[in-house]
């Protein structure tokens, strides 16, 4: 019987770069199950804490996102998530 070598621990190499200057697009905020995105954004605006978007962009919200075009990468990720999760909470037909 041969022994398998343990898998290496992978640590993602990420760099948080906060947006400075005027934002160029509105992003969709990443939320955990049960979290309210609007409440999370409001809290971040009040306390000045950074948020992470679906696309990985990190920023501190300061403007009304309705005044900006939606980030295409966030939109694409959200639409893919919706497509994979459509109907998961529905009861099957008998």
PDB file of N, CA and C in Angstrom:
ATOM      1  N   UNK A   1       0.854  -1.178   0.000  1.00  0.00           N
ATOM      2  CA  UNK A   1       0.000   0.000   0.000  1.00  0.00           C
ATOM      3  C   UNK A   1       0.900   1.242   0.000  1.00  0.00           C
ATOM      4  N   UNK A   2       0.684   2.153  -0.922  1.00  0.00           N
ATOM      5  CA  UNK A   2       1.516   3.355  -0.984  1.00  0.00           C
ATOM      6  C   UNK A   2       0.828   4.499  -0.242  1.00  0.00           C
ATOM      7  N   UNK A   3       1.653   5.366   0.286  1.00  0.00           N
ATOM      8  CA  UNK A   3       1.116   6.530   0.997  1.00  0.00           C
ATOM      9  C   UNK A   3       1.109   7.726   0.062  1.00  0.00           C
ATOM     10  N   UNK A   4       0.071   8.501   0.172  1.00  0.00           N
ATOM     11  CA  UNK A   4      -0.028   9.710  -0.633  1.00  0.00           C
ATOM     12  C   UNK A   4       0.629  10.857   0.103  1.00  0.00           C
ATOM     13  N   UNK A   5       1.335  11.677  -0.621  1.00  0.00           N
ATOM     14  CA  UNK A   5       1.947  12.862  -0.021  1.00  0.00           C
ATOM     15  C   UNK A   5       0.858  13.876   0.275  1.00  0.00           C
ATOM     16  N   UNK A   6       0.969  14.614   1.380  1.00  0.00           N
ATOM     17  CA  UNK A   6      -0.046  15.618   1.682  1.00  0.00           C
ATOM     18  C   UNK A   6      -0.033  16.729   0.631  1.00  0.00           C
ATOM     19  N   UNK A   7      -1.211  17.247   0.365  1.00  0.00           N
ATOM     20  CA  UNK A   7      -1.330  18.335  -0.603  1.00  0.00           C
ATOM     21  C   UNK A   7      -0.745  19.613  -0.014  1.00  0.00           C
ATOM     22  N   UNK A   8      -0.087  20.408  -0.847  1.00  0.00           N
ATOM     23  CA  UNK A   8       0.451  21.674  -0.332  1.00  0.00           C
ATOM     24  C   UNK A   8      -0.675  22.648  -0.015  1.00  0.00           C
ATOM     25  N   UNK A   9      -0.436  23.509   0.944  1.00  0.00           N
ATOM     26  CA  UNK A   9      -1.407  24.540   1.290  1.00  0.00           C
ATOM     27  C   UNK A   9      -1.218  25.691   0.322  1.00  0.00           C
ATOM     28  N   UNK A  10      -2.281  26.079  -0.333  1.00  0.00           N
ATOM     29  CA  UNK A  10      -2.209  27.180  -1.285  1.00  0.00           C
ATOM     30  C   UNK A  10      -2.681  28.462  -0.624  1.00  0.00           C
ATOM     31  N   UNK A  11      -1.891  29.481  -0.747  1.00  0.00           N
ATOM     32  CA  UNK A  11      -2.255  30.790  -0.226  1.00  0.00           C
ATOM     33  C   UNK A  11      -2.415  31.729  -1.408  1.00  0.00           C
ATOM     34  N   UNK A  12      -3.629  32.229  -1.629  1.00  0.00           N
ATOM     35  CA  UNK A  12      -3.811  33.117  -2.784  1.00  0.00           C
ATOM     36  C   UNK A  12      -3.015  34.403  -2.616  1.00  0.00           C
ATOM     37  N   UNK A  13      -2.420  34.841  -3.695  1.00  0.00           N
ATOM     38  CA  UNK A  13      -1.650  36.075  -3.696  1.00  0.00           C
ATOM     39  C   UNK A  13      -2.574  37.192  -4.150  1.00  0.00           C
ATOM     40  N   UNK A  14      -3.118  37.915  -3.193  1.00  0.00           N
ATOM     41  CA  UNK A  14      -4.038  38.996  -3.546  1.00  0.00           C
ATOM     42  C   UNK A  14      -3.494  40.315  -3.056  1.00  0.00           C
ATOM     43  N   UNK A  15      -3.844  41.339  -3.757  1.00  0.00           N
ATOM     44  CA  UNK A  15      -3.419  42.672  -3.389  1.00  0.00           C
ATOM     45  C   UNK A  15      -4.648  43.561  -3.381  1.00  0.00           C
ATOM     46  N   UNK A  16      -4.913  44.191  -2.245  1.00  0.00           N
ATOM     47  CA  UNK A  16      -6.050  45.096  -2.164  1.00  0.00           C
ATOM     48  C   UNK A  16      -5.600  46.486  -2.566  1.00  0.00           C
ATOM     49  N   UNK A  17      -6.220  47.003  -3.594  1.00  0.00           N
ATOM     50  CA  UNK A  17      -5.917  48.356  -4.040  1.00  0.00           C
ATOM     51  C   UNK A  17      -7.202  49.150  -3.930  1.00  0.00           C
ATOM     52  N   UNK A  18      -7.222  50.104  -3.021  1.00  0.00           N
ATOM     53  CA  UNK A  18      -8.411  50.925  -2.852  1.00  0.00           C
ATOM     54  C   UNK A  18      -8.504  51.934  -3.979  1.00  0.00           C
ATOM     55  N   UNK A  19      -9.721  52.143  -4.442  1.00  0.00           N
ATOM     56  CA  UNK A  19      -9.957  53.104  -5.507  1.00  0.00           C
ATOM     57  C   UNK A  19      -9.759  54.504  -4.957  1.00  0.00           C
ATOM     58  N   UNK A  20      -9.005  55.293  -5.677  1.00  0.00           N
ATOM     59  CA  UNK A  20      -8.843  56.696  -5.301  1.00  0.00           C
ATOM     60  C   UNK A  20      -9.362  57.537  -6.461  1.00  0.00           C
ATOM     61  N   UNK A  21      -9.773  58.729  -6.166  1.00  0.00           N
ATOM     62  CA  UNK A  21     -10.322  59.574  -7.218  1.00  0.00           C
ATOM     63  C   UNK A  21     -11.777  59.250  -7.479  1.00  0.00           C
ATOM     64  N   UNK A  22     -12.261  59.717  -8.592  1.00  0.00           N
ATOM     65  CA  UNK A  22     -13.660  59.521  -8.955  1.00  0.00           C
ATOM     66  C   UNK A  22     -13.895  58.097  -9.457  1.00  0.00           C
ATOM     67  N   UNK A  23     -14.948  57.418  -8.961  1.00  0.00           N
ATOM     68  CA  UNK A  23     -15.249  56.072  -9.460  1.00  0.00           C
ATOM     69  C   UNK A  23     -15.726  56.131 -10.907  1.00  0.00           C
ATOM     70  N   UNK A  24     -15.402  55.082 -11.659  1.00  0.00           N
ATOM     71  CA  UNK A  24     -15.790  55.048 -13.065  1.00  0.00           C
ATOM     72  C   UNK A  24     -16.973  54.121 -13.317  1.00  0.00           C
ATOM     73  N   UNK A  25     -17.270  53.231 -12.344  1.00  0.00           N
ATOM     74  CA  UNK A  25     -18.412  52.333 -12.506  1.00  0.00           C
ATOM     75  C   UNK A  25     -18.927  51.906 -11.138  1.00  0.00           C
ATOM     76  N   UNK A  26     -20.164  51.448 -11.137  1.00  0.00           N
ATOM     77  CA  UNK A  26     -20.780  50.928  -9.916  1.00  0.00           C
ATOM     78  C   UNK A  26     -20.517  49.429  -9.866  1.00  0.00           C
ATOM     79  N   UNK A  27     -20.241  48.920  -8.684  1.00  0.00           N
ATOM     80  CA  UNK A  27     -19.928  47.502  -8.515  1.00  0.00           C
ATOM     81  C   UNK A  27     -21.010  46.816  -7.695  1.00  0.00           C
ATOM     82  N   UNK A  28     -21.104  45.493  -7.846  1.00  0.00           N
ATOM     83  CA  UNK A  28     -22.022  44.688  -7.045  1.00  0.00           C
ATOM     84  C   UNK A  28     -21.230  44.154  -5.869  1.00  0.00           C
ATOM     85  N   UNK A  29     -21.666  44.494  -4.666  1.00  0.00           N
ATOM     86  CA  UNK A  29     -20.927  44.116  -3.462  1.00  0.00           C
ATOM     87  C   UNK A  29     -21.073  42.629  -3.177  1.00  0.00           C
ATOM     88  N   UNK A  30     -19.977  42.033  -2.722  1.00  0.00           N
ATOM     89  CA  UNK A  30     -19.962  40.625  -2.341  1.00  0.00           C
ATOM     90  C   UNK A  30     -20.620  40.520  -0.962  1.00  0.00           C
ATOM     91  N   UNK A  31     -21.567  39.599  -0.797  1.00  0.00           N
ATOM     92  CA  UNK A  31     -22.229  39.412   0.492  1.00  0.00           C
ATOM     93  C   UNK A  31     -22.179  37.950   0.907  1.00  0.00           C
ATOM     94  N   UNK A  32     -22.261  37.728   2.199  1.00  0.00           N
ATOM     95  CA  UNK A  32     -22.364  36.380   2.740  1.00  0.00           C
ATOM     96  C   UNK A  32     -23.840  36.009   2.824  1.00  0.00           C
ATOM     97  N   UNK A  33     -24.154  34.718   2.918  1.00  0.00           N
ATOM     98  CA  UNK A  33     -25.561  34.311   3.051  1.00  0.00           C
ATOM     99  C   UNK A  33     -26.229  35.022   4.229  1.00  0.00           C
ATOM    100  N   UNK A  34     -27.405  35.571   3.982  1.00  0.00           N
ATOM    101  CA  UNK A  34     -28.153  36.257   5.025  1.00  0.00           C
ATOM    102  C   UNK A  34     -27.818  37.732   5.167  1.00  0.00           C
ATOM    103  N   UNK A  35     -26.769  38.200   4.499  1.00  0.00           N
ATOM    104  CA  UNK A  35     -26.404  39.611   4.575  1.00  0.00           C
ATOM    105  C   UNK A  35     -27.234  40.417   3.586  1.00  0.00           C
ATOM    106  N   UNK A  36     -27.545  41.637   3.962  1.00  0.00           N
ATOM    107  CA  UNK A  36     -28.269  42.549   3.095  1.00  0.00           C
ATOM    108  C   UNK A  36     -27.247  43.480   2.449  1.00  0.00           C
ATOM    109  N   UNK A  37     -27.158  43.456   1.124  1.00  0.00           N
ATOM    110  CA  UNK A  37     -26.159  44.246   0.405  1.00  0.00           C
ATOM    111  C   UNK A  37     -26.332  45.744   0.652  1.00  0.00           C
ATOM    112  N   UNK A  38     -27.577  46.225   0.636  1.00  0.00           N
ATOM    113  CA  UNK A  38     -27.820  47.657   0.834  1.00  0.00           C
ATOM    114  C   UNK A  38     -27.366  48.094   2.230  1.00  0.00           C
ATOM    115  N   UNK A  39     -27.646  47.274   3.239  1.00  0.00           N
ATOM    116  CA  UNK A  39     -27.225  47.600   4.604  1.00  0.00           C
ATOM    117  C   UNK A  39     -25.706  47.578   4.725  1.00  0.00           C
ATOM    118  N   UNK A  40     -25.077  46.631   4.038  1.00  0.00           N
ATOM    119  CA  UNK A  40     -23.615  46.528   4.065  1.00  0.00           C
ATOM    120  C   UNK A  40     -22.969  47.767   3.436  1.00  0.00           C
ATOM    121  N   UNK A  41     -23.531  48.237   2.319  1.00  0.00           N
ATOM    122  CA  UNK A  41     -23.006  49.423   1.649  1.00  0.00           C
ATOM    123  C   UNK A  41     -23.227  50.664   2.516  1.00  0.00           C
ATOM    124  N   UNK A  42     -24.400  50.787   3.114  1.00  0.00           N
ATOM    125  CA  UNK A  42     -24.685  51.933   3.977  1.00  0.00           C
ATOM    126  C   UNK A  42     -23.719  51.980   5.151  1.00  0.00           C
ATOM    127  N   UNK A  43     -23.498  50.844   5.784  1.00  0.00           N
ATOM    128  CA  UNK A  43     -22.559  50.786   6.910  1.00  0.00           C
ATOM    129  C   UNK A  43     -21.143  51.175   6.475  1.00  0.00           C
ATOM    130  N   UNK A  44     -20.735  50.714   5.298  1.00  0.00           N
ATOM    131  CA  UNK A  44     -19.402  51.042   4.788  1.00  0.00           C
ATOM    132  C   UNK A  44     -19.277  52.537   4.490  1.00  0.00           C
ATOM    133  N   UNK A  45     -20.363  53.134   4.003  1.00  0.00           N
ATOM    134  CA  UNK A  45     -20.337  54.583   3.742  1.00  0.00           C
ATOM    135  C   UNK A  45     -20.228  55.366   5.048  1.00  0.00           C
ATOM    136  N   UNK A  46     -20.936  54.917   6.067  1.00  0.00           N
ATOM    137  CA  UNK A  46     -20.922  55.618   7.360  1.00  0.00           C
ATOM    138  C   UNK A  46     -19.563  55.506   8.040  1.00  0.00           C
ATOM    139  N   UNK A  47     -19.020  54.281   8.080  1.00  0.00           N
ATOM    140  CA  UNK A  47     -17.774  54.042   8.814  1.00  0.00           C
ATOM    141  C   UNK A  47     -16.521  54.159   7.954  1.00  0.00           C
ATOM    142  N   UNK A  48     -16.689  54.274   6.647  1.00  0.00           N
ATOM    143  CA  UNK A  48     -15.528  54.397   5.766  1.00  0.00           C
ATOM    144  C   UNK A  48     -14.747  53.104   5.609  1.00  0.00           C
ATOM    145  N   UNK A  49     -15.430  51.975   5.744  1.00  0.00           N
ATOM    146  CA  UNK A  49     -14.751  50.693   5.613  1.00  0.00           C
ATOM    147  C   UNK A  49     -14.808  50.207   4.164  1.00  0.00           C
ATOM    148  N   UNK A  50     -13.745  49.560   3.703  1.00  0.00           N
ATOM    149  CA  UNK A  50     -13.733  49.081   2.323  1.00  0.00           C
ATOM    150  C   UNK A  50     -14.625  47.867   2.116  1.00  0.00           C
ATOM    151  N   UNK A  51     -15.150  47.750   0.914  1.00  0.00           N
ATOM    152  CA  UNK A  51     -15.968  46.610   0.494  1.00  0.00           C
ATOM    153  C   UNK A  51     -15.271  45.918  -0.664  1.00  0.00           C
ATOM    154  N   UNK A  52     -15.644  44.653  -0.887  1.00  0.00           N
ATOM    155  CA  UNK A  52     -15.125  43.932  -2.046  1.00  0.00           C
ATOM    156  C   UNK A  52     -16.277  43.635  -2.997  1.00  0.00           C
ATOM    157  N   UNK A  53     -16.050  43.919  -4.259  1.00  0.00           N
ATOM    158  CA  UNK A  53     -17.055  43.660  -5.297  1.00  0.00           C
ATOM    159  C   UNK A  53     -16.909  42.233  -5.807  1.00  0.00           C
ATOM    160  N   UNK A  54     -17.919  41.766  -6.532  1.00  0.00           N
ATOM    161  CA  UNK A  54     -17.855  40.439  -7.137  1.00  0.00           C
ATOM    162  C   UNK A  54     -16.631  40.292  -8.029  1.00  0.00           C
ATOM    163  N   UNK A  55     -16.225  41.372  -8.683  1.00  0.00           N
ATOM    164  CA  UNK A  55     -15.085  41.341  -9.600  1.00  0.00           C
ATOM    165  C   UNK A  55     -13.752  41.393  -8.873  1.00  0.00           C
ATOM    166  N   UNK A  56     -13.784  41.572  -7.541  1.00  0.00           N
ATOM    167  CA  UNK A  56     -12.552  41.642  -6.765  1.00  0.00           C
ATOM    168  C   UNK A  56     -12.096  43.058  -6.466  1.00  0.00           C
ATOM    169  N   UNK A  57     -12.747  44.038  -7.045  1.00  0.00           N
ATOM    170  CA  UNK A  57     -12.392  45.444  -6.804  1.00  0.00           C
ATOM    171  C   UNK A  57     -12.708  45.802  -5.352  1.00  0.00           C
ATOM    172  N   UNK A  58     -11.788  46.488  -4.690  1.00  0.00           N
ATOM    173  CA  UNK A  58     -11.983  46.911  -3.304  1.00  0.00           C
ATOM    174  C   UNK A  58     -12.078  48.430  -3.293  1.00  0.00           C
ATOM    175  N   UNK A  59     -13.102  48.948  -2.616  1.00  0.00           N
ATOM    176  CA  UNK A  59     -13.316  50.394  -2.568  1.00  0.00           C
ATOM    177  C   UNK A  59     -14.117  50.766  -1.336  1.00  0.00           C
ATOM    178  N   UNK A  60     -14.073  52.053  -1.016  1.00  0.00           N
ATOM    179  CA  UNK A  60     -14.911  52.607   0.042  1.00  0.00           C
ATOM    180  C   UNK A  60     -16.017  53.387  -0.663  1.00  0.00           C
ATOM    181  N   UNK A  61     -17.273  52.959  -0.521  1.00  0.00           N
ATOM    182  CA  UNK A  61     -18.361  53.642  -1.238  1.00  0.00           C
ATOM    183  C   UNK A  61     -18.537  55.077  -0.748  1.00  0.00           C
ATOM    184  N   UNK A  62     -18.732  55.979  -1.714  1.00  0.00           N
ATOM    185  CA  UNK A  62     -18.904  57.384  -1.350  1.00  0.00           C
ATOM    186  C   UNK A  62     -19.916  58.099  -2.236  1.00  0.00           C
ATOM    187  N   UNK A  63     -20.349  57.466  -3.317  1.00  0.00           N
ATOM    188  CA  UNK A  63     -21.286  58.114  -4.239  1.00  0.00           C
ATOM    189  C   UNK A  63     -22.491  57.235  -4.463  1.00  0.00           C
ATOM    190  N   UNK A  64     -23.529  57.840  -5.009  1.00  0.00           N
ATOM    191  CA  UNK A  64     -24.728  57.096  -5.377  1.00  0.00           C
ATOM    192  C   UNK A  64     -24.401  56.240  -6.591  1.00  0.00           C
ATOM    193  N   UNK A  65     -24.443  54.905  -6.465  1.00  0.00           N
ATOM    194  CA  UNK A  65     -24.064  54.049  -7.588  1.00  0.00           C
ATOM    195  C   UNK A  65     -25.005  54.149  -8.779  1.00  0.00           C
ATOM    196  N   UNK A  66     -26.199  54.689  -8.575  1.00  0.00           N
ATOM    197  CA  UNK A  66     -27.153  54.816  -9.683  1.00  0.00           C
ATOM    198  C   UNK A  66     -26.699  55.860 -10.694  1.00  0.00           C
ATOM    199  N   UNK A  67     -25.712  56.684 -10.310  1.00  0.00           N
ATOM    200  CA  UNK A  67     -25.195  57.716 -11.205  1.00  0.00           C
ATOM    201  C   UNK A  67     -24.084  57.186 -12.121  1.00  0.00           C
ATOM    202  N   UNK A  68     -23.690  55.915 -11.928  1.00  0.00           N
ATOM    203  CA  UNK A  68     -22.570  55.344 -12.670  1.00  0.00           C
ATOM    204  C   UNK A  68     -23.009  54.106 -13.455  1.00  0.00           C
ATOM    205  N   UNK A  69     -22.307  53.781 -14.536  1.00  0.00           N
ATOM    206  CA  UNK A  69     -22.619  52.541 -15.261  1.00  0.00           C
ATOM    207  C   UNK A  69     -22.167  51.336 -14.425  1.00  0.00           C
ATOM    208  N   UNK A  70     -22.868  50.211 -14.579  1.00  0.00           N
ATOM    209  CA  UNK A  70     -22.558  49.004 -13.829  1.00  0.00           C
ATOM    210  C   UNK A  70     -21.294  48.350 -14.384  1.00  0.00           C
ATOM    211  N   UNK A  71     -20.428  47.901 -13.507  1.00  0.00           N
ATOM    212  CA  UNK A  71     -19.204  47.191 -13.879  1.00  0.00           C
ATOM    213  C   UNK A  71     -19.588  45.937 -14.673  1.00  0.00           C
ATOM    214  N   UNK A  72     -19.059  45.806 -15.874  1.00  0.00           N
ATOM    215  CA  UNK A  72     -19.405  44.684 -16.745  1.00  0.00           C
ATOM    216  C   UNK A  72     -18.959  43.353 -16.144  1.00  0.00           C
ATOM    217  N   UNK A  73     -17.815  43.334 -15.466  1.00  0.00           N
ATOM    218  CA  UNK A  73     -17.330  42.091 -14.871  1.00  0.00           C
ATOM    219  C   UNK A  73     -18.241  41.658 -13.721  1.00  0.00           C
ATOM    220  N   UNK A  74     -18.653  42.589 -12.860  1.00  0.00           N
ATOM    221  CA  UNK A  74     -19.591  42.275 -11.772  1.00  0.00           C
ATOM    222  C   UNK A  74     -20.907  41.748 -12.350  1.00  0.00           C
ATOM    223  N   UNK A  75     -21.397  42.420 -13.380  1.00  0.00           N
ATOM    224  CA  UNK A  75     -22.663  42.027 -14.010  1.00  0.00           C
ATOM    225  C   UNK A  75     -22.572  40.610 -14.566  1.00  0.00           C
ATOM    226  N   UNK A  76     -21.471  40.296 -15.235  1.00  0.00           N
ATOM    227  CA  UNK A  76     -21.272  38.970 -15.815  1.00  0.00           C
ATOM    228  C   UNK A  76     -21.221  37.889 -14.734  1.00  0.00           C
ATOM    229  N   UNK A  77     -20.496  38.153 -13.649  1.00  0.00           N
ATOM    230  CA  UNK A  77     -20.392  37.198 -12.544  1.00  0.00           C
ATOM    231  C   UNK A  77     -21.754  36.986 -11.901  1.00  0.00           C
ATOM    232  N   UNK A  78     -22.499  38.068 -11.681  1.00  0.00           N
ATOM    233  CA  UNK A  78     -23.829  37.975 -11.077  1.00  0.00           C
ATOM    234  C   UNK A  78     -24.780  37.167 -11.960  1.00  0.00           C
ATOM    235  N   UNK A  79     -24.751  37.430 -13.272  1.00  0.00           N
ATOM    236  CA  UNK A  79     -25.633  36.703 -14.190  1.00  0.00           C
ATOM    237  C   UNK A  79     -25.284  35.218 -14.235  1.00  0.00           C
ATOM    238  N   UNK A  80     -23.989  34.896 -14.164  1.00  0.00           N
ATOM    239  CA  UNK A  80     -23.580  33.494 -14.143  1.00  0.00           C
ATOM    240  C   UNK A  80     -24.061  32.824 -12.848  1.00  0.00           C
ATOM    241  N   UNK A  81     -23.924  33.519 -11.734  1.00  0.00           N
ATOM    242  CA  UNK A  81     -24.404  32.996 -10.445  1.00  0.00           C
ATOM    243  C   UNK A  81     -25.904  32.726 -10.509  1.00  0.00           C
ATOM    244  N   UNK A  82     -26.649  33.677 -11.053  1.00  0.00           N
ATOM    245  CA  UNK A  82     -28.106  33.518 -11.163  1.00  0.00           C
ATOM    246  C   UNK A  82     -28.457  32.335 -12.048  1.00  0.00           C
ATOM    247  N   UNK A  83     -27.738  32.161 -13.151  1.00  0.00           N
ATOM    248  CA  UNK A  83     -28.017  31.066 -14.078  1.00  0.00           C
ATOM    249  C   UNK A  83     -27.773  29.712 -13.408  1.00  0.00           C
ATOM    250  N   UNK A  84     -26.725  29.605 -12.610  1.00  0.00           N
ATOM    251  CA  UNK A  84     -26.424  28.344 -11.932  1.00  0.00           C
ATOM    252  C   UNK A  84     -27.370  28.067 -10.776  1.00  0.00           C
ATOM    253  N   UNK A  85     -27.916  29.110 -10.166  1.00  0.00           N
ATOM    254  CA  UNK A  85     -28.736  28.937  -8.978  1.00  0.00           C
ATOM    255  C   UNK A  85     -30.232  29.070  -9.229  1.00  0.00           C
ATOM    256  N   UNK A  86     -30.634  29.345 -10.453  1.00  0.00           N
ATOM    257  CA  UNK A  86     -32.060  29.455 -10.769  1.00  0.00           C
ATOM    258  C   UNK A  86     -32.776  28.152 -10.440  1.00  0.00           C
ATOM    259  N   UNK A  87     -33.826  28.252  -9.682  1.00  0.00           N
ATOM    260  CA  UNK A  87     -34.659  27.096  -9.398  1.00  0.00           C
ATOM    261  C   UNK A  87     -34.179  26.209  -8.267  1.00  0.00           C
ATOM    262  N   UNK A  88     -33.085  26.560  -7.593  1.00  0.00           N
ATOM    263  CA  UNK A  88     -32.599  25.705  -6.507  1.00  0.00           C
ATOM    264  C   UNK A  88     -33.561  25.638  -5.327  1.00  0.00           C
ATOM    265  N   UNK A  89     -34.310  26.696  -5.105  1.00  0.00           N
ATOM    266  CA  UNK A  89     -35.219  26.730  -3.967  1.00  0.00           C
ATOM    267  C   UNK A  89     -36.649  26.338  -4.329  1.00  0.00           C
ATOM    268  N   UNK A  90     -36.851  25.935  -5.578  1.00  0.00           N
ATOM    269  CA  UNK A  90     -38.191  25.565  -6.011  1.00  0.00           C
ATOM    270  C   UNK A  90     -38.434  24.084  -5.755  1.00  0.00           C
ATOM    271  N   UNK A  91     -39.689  23.738  -5.538  1.00  0.00           N
ATOM    272  CA  UNK A  91     -40.069  22.341  -5.352  1.00  0.00           C
ATOM    273  C   UNK A  91     -40.224  21.690  -6.722  1.00  0.00           C
ATOM    274  N   UNK A  92     -39.741  20.467  -6.883  1.00  0.00           N
ATOM    275  CA  UNK A  92     -39.921  19.792  -8.177  1.00  0.00           C
ATOM    276  C   UNK A  92     -41.392  19.492  -8.432  1.00  0.00           C
ATOM    277  N   UNK A  93     -41.753  19.518  -9.700  1.00  0.00           N
ATOM    278  CA  UNK A  93     -43.143  19.219 -10.068  1.00  0.00           C
ATOM    279  C   UNK A  93     -43.362  17.714 -10.000  1.00  0.00           C
ATOM    280  N   UNK A  94     -44.566  17.310  -9.592  1.00  0.00           N
ATOM    281  CA  UNK A  94     -44.871  15.896  -9.488  1.00  0.00           C
ATOM    282  C   UNK A  94     -45.732  15.436 -10.627  1.00  0.00           C
TER     283      UNK A  94
END
